[in-house]
């Protein structure tokens, strides 16, 4: 399978509207402030790309890898993410609502101040992430891995949590978020 490489390009909304992109490697590309509609990206790689403040509507990312990319302040509610990885990405203030995020990988990414509402995070990897002030509301965290992550100030309201992995600091912070305190004895 041949992979096309696109370097240093600043995209316009017209170039991406209604397009199906497959097997493309994007290096240092800018998608900032665009409204991307009715598009799909499959088997693609995004390295050092900037998606900040992008508006997504009926967009599909399947088997895509994002590395060292900025995706802050994006609403992913009308986006489908299948088998995607986010490595060392800035995803501050993003919104996921009713997203199926099973087995998704957010390794070493900053998701601070983000919202996961009614999401399925079964077997998701959120290891070594900044999850400070993240809101998990009515979400499913089954066998998810949050080890090594900062969860200070994170809320887990009305969530189904089972066999989810936390390290000791995360376990203590989770207890604090539920109103528990450590005994001094």
Protein backbone atom coordinates (compact mmCIF):
# COMPACT_ATOMS: atom_id res chain seq x y z
CA UNK A 1 0.00 0.00 0.00
CA UNK A 2 1.49 3.32 -1.07
CA UNK A 3 1.31 6.19 1.38
CA UNK A 4 1.25 9.73 0.08
CA UNK A 5 3.09 12.29 2.25
CA UNK A 6 1.86 15.87 2.57
CA UNK A 7 4.27 18.30 4.30
CA UNK A 8 3.70 21.77 5.70
CA UNK A 9 0.37 22.41 3.99
CA UNK A 10 -2.32 24.75 5.33
CA UNK A 11 -5.66 23.29 4.30
CA UNK A 12 -8.85 25.12 3.42
CA UNK A 13 -12.33 23.81 4.29
CA UNK A 14 -13.16 23.39 0.59
CA UNK A 15 -10.23 20.97 0.13
CA UNK A 16 -11.58 18.62 2.80
CA UNK A 17 -15.39 18.89 2.53
CA UNK A 18 -16.94 15.60 1.53
CA UNK A 19 -13.56 14.00 0.82
CA UNK A 20 -12.34 10.50 1.66
CA UNK A 21 -8.65 10.58 2.48
CA UNK A 22 -6.84 7.24 2.70
CA UNK A 23 -3.26 6.22 3.50
CA UNK A 24 -1.87 9.75 3.74
CA UNK A 25 0.88 10.93 6.05
CA UNK A 26 0.43 14.57 7.09
CA UNK A 27 3.58 16.26 8.47
CA UNK A 28 3.47 19.74 10.02
CA UNK A 29 0.10 20.51 8.39
CA UNK A 30 -2.43 23.09 9.58
CA UNK A 31 -6.17 22.54 9.76
CA UNK A 32 -6.78 25.35 12.30
CA UNK A 33 -10.15 27.06 12.50
CA UNK A 34 -11.65 25.01 9.66
CA UNK A 35 -15.11 23.52 9.45
CA UNK A 36 -14.63 19.97 8.17
CA UNK A 37 -17.86 18.28 7.06
CA UNK A 38 -18.80 14.88 5.65
CA UNK A 39 -15.19 13.71 5.39
CA UNK A 40 -13.31 10.55 6.29
CA UNK A 41 -9.68 9.80 7.02
CA UNK A 42 -8.57 6.15 6.97
CA UNK A 43 -5.16 4.57 7.65
CA UNK A 44 -3.60 8.03 7.96
CA UNK A 45 -0.88 9.54 10.12
CA UNK A 46 -0.87 13.11 11.47
CA UNK A 47 2.50 14.26 12.88
CA UNK A 48 2.99 17.72 14.36
CA UNK A 49 -0.33 18.86 12.87
CA UNK A 50 -2.51 21.66 14.23
CA UNK A 51 -6.27 21.06 14.38
CA UNK A 52 -6.93 23.71 17.05
CA UNK A 53 -10.48 25.09 17.04
CA UNK A 54 -11.61 22.91 14.13
CA UNK A 55 -15.34 22.29 13.80
CA UNK A 56 -16.11 18.68 12.86
CA UNK A 57 -19.45 17.56 11.46
CA UNK A 58 -20.04 13.99 10.26
CA UNK A 59 -16.32 13.20 10.16
CA UNK A 60 -14.82 9.73 10.47
CA UNK A 61 -11.26 8.87 11.56
CA UNK A 62 -10.46 5.17 11.28
CA UNK A 63 -7.13 3.54 12.04
CA UNK A 64 -5.44 6.95 12.29
CA UNK A 65 -2.42 7.91 14.39
CA UNK A 66 -1.96 11.44 15.75
CA UNK A 67 1.50 12.21 17.17
CA UNK A 68 2.64 15.48 18.77
CA UNK A 69 -0.42 17.21 17.32
CA UNK A 70 -2.68 19.97 18.66
CA UNK A 71 -6.39 19.15 18.79
CA UNK A 72 -7.55 21.55 21.51
CA UNK A 73 -11.05 22.97 21.91
CA UNK A 74 -12.67 20.55 19.45
CA UNK A 75 -16.13 19.06 19.85
CA UNK A 76 -15.86 15.41 18.74
CA UNK A 77 -19.59 14.73 19.31
CA UNK A 78 -20.33 14.40 15.59
CA UNK A 79 -17.14 12.46 14.91
CA UNK A 80 -16.49 8.76 14.76
CA UNK A 81 -13.09 7.58 16.03
CA UNK A 82 -12.26 3.90 15.38
CA UNK A 83 -8.94 2.28 16.24
CA UNK A 84 -7.19 5.65 16.63
CA UNK A 85 -4.10 6.59 18.64
CA UNK A 86 -3.21 9.96 20.10
CA UNK A 87 0.44 10.02 21.22
CA UNK A 88 1.82 13.06 23.05
CA UNK A 89 -1.06 15.21 21.75
CA UNK A 90 -2.58 18.38 23.16
CA UNK A 91 -6.34 17.76 23.49
CA UNK A 92 -7.12 20.42 26.08
CA UNK A 93 -10.78 21.37 26.47
CA UNK A 94 -12.16 18.84 23.97
CA UNK A 95 -15.67 17.40 24.17
CA UNK A 96 -16.61 13.79 23.54
CA UNK A 97 -20.34 13.09 23.74
CA UNK A 98 -21.88 9.70 23.05
CA UNK A 99 -18.62 8.58 21.42
CA UNK A 100 -17.62 4.92 21.30
CA UNK A 101 -13.97 5.10 22.27
CA UNK A 102 -13.30 1.43 22.98
CA UNK A 103 -9.63 0.47 22.84
CA UNK A 104 -8.62 4.02 21.86
CA UNK A 105 -5.14 5.09 22.93
CA UNK A 106 -4.42 8.56 24.35
CA UNK A 107 -0.87 7.76 25.57
CA UNK A 108 0.97 10.66 27.24
CA UNK A 109 -1.55 13.24 25.97
CA UNK A 110 -2.89 16.36 27.68
CA UNK A 111 -6.69 16.09 27.99
CA UNK A 112 -7.02 18.62 30.83
CA UNK A 113 -10.40 20.36 31.16
CA UNK A 114 -12.01 17.95 28.68
CA UNK A 115 -15.46 16.36 28.91
CA UNK A 116 -16.44 12.74 28.27
CA UNK A 117 -20.24 12.61 28.39
CA UNK A 118 -22.05 9.29 27.84
CA UNK A 119 -18.92 7.77 26.28
CA UNK A 120 -17.83 4.15 26.13
CA UNK A 121 -14.16 4.01 27.15
CA UNK A 122 -14.01 0.23 27.49
CA UNK A 123 -10.35 -0.91 27.35
CA UNK A 124 -9.24 2.65 26.49
CA UNK A 125 -5.64 3.56 27.31
CA UNK A 126 -5.28 6.89 29.07
CA UNK A 127 -1.82 6.19 30.48
CA UNK A 128 0.51 8.99 31.55
CA UNK A 129 -2.09 11.60 30.55
CA UNK A 130 -2.94 14.94 32.07
CA UNK A 131 -6.56 14.31 33.06
CA UNK A 132 -6.74 17.17 35.54
CA UNK A 133 -10.18 18.77 35.73
CA UNK A 134 -11.58 16.22 33.23
CA UNK A 135 -15.26 15.42 33.59
CA UNK A 136 -16.37 11.85 33.02
CA UNK A 137 -20.18 11.95 33.15
CA UNK A 138 -22.45 8.94 32.54
CA UNK A 139 -19.52 7.19 30.88
CA UNK A 140 -18.36 3.60 30.87
CA UNK A 141 -14.80 2.96 32.07
CA UNK A 142 -14.48 -0.82 31.95
CA UNK A 143 -10.93 -2.19 31.96
CA UNK A 144 -9.65 1.28 31.05
CA UNK A 145 -6.06 2.10 32.00
CA UNK A 146 -5.41 5.44 33.71
CA UNK A 147 -2.07 4.49 35.29
CA UNK A 148 0.50 7.23 35.55
CA UNK A 149 -2.13 9.89 34.81
CA UNK A 150 -2.80 13.08 36.75
CA UNK A 151 -6.51 12.96 37.73
CA UNK A 152 -6.49 15.85 40.24
CA UNK A 153 -9.86 17.55 40.14
CA UNK A 154 -11.31 14.99 37.71
CA UNK A 155 -14.96 14.09 38.19
CA UNK A 156 -16.43 10.64 37.67
CA UNK A 157 -20.16 11.32 37.94
CA UNK A 158 -22.68 8.55 37.31
CA UNK A 159 -20.02 6.40 35.61
CA UNK A 160 -19.88 2.66 35.33
CA UNK A 161 -16.36 1.78 36.49
CA UNK A 162 -15.09 -1.81 36.61
CA UNK A 163 -11.56 -3.23 36.55
CA UNK A 164 -10.18 0.20 35.65
CA UNK A 165 -6.48 0.56 36.41
CA UNK A 166 -5.10 3.42 38.52
CA UNK A 167 -1.70 3.81 40.13
CA UNK A 168 -1.47 4.70 43.83
CA UNK A 169 -1.58 8.49 43.26
CA UNK A 170 -4.58 8.09 40.97
CA UNK A 171 -6.31 5.86 43.51
CA UNK A 172 -5.79 8.47 46.23
CA UNK A 173 -6.96 11.32 43.97
CA UNK A 174 -10.05 9.32 43.00
CA UNK A 175 -10.83 8.85 46.68
CA UNK A 176 -10.46 12.59 47.29
CA UNK A 177 -12.80 13.31 44.35
CA UNK A 178 -15.45 11.19 46.10
CA UNK A 179 -15.01 13.02 49.42
CA UNK A 180 -12.72 10.52 51.18
CA UNK A 181 -9.73 11.66 53.22
CA UNK A 182 -6.68 9.69 54.38
CA UNK A 183 -6.39 8.80 58.03
CA UNK A 184 -3.35 10.21 59.79
CA UNK A 185 -3.09 7.03 61.87
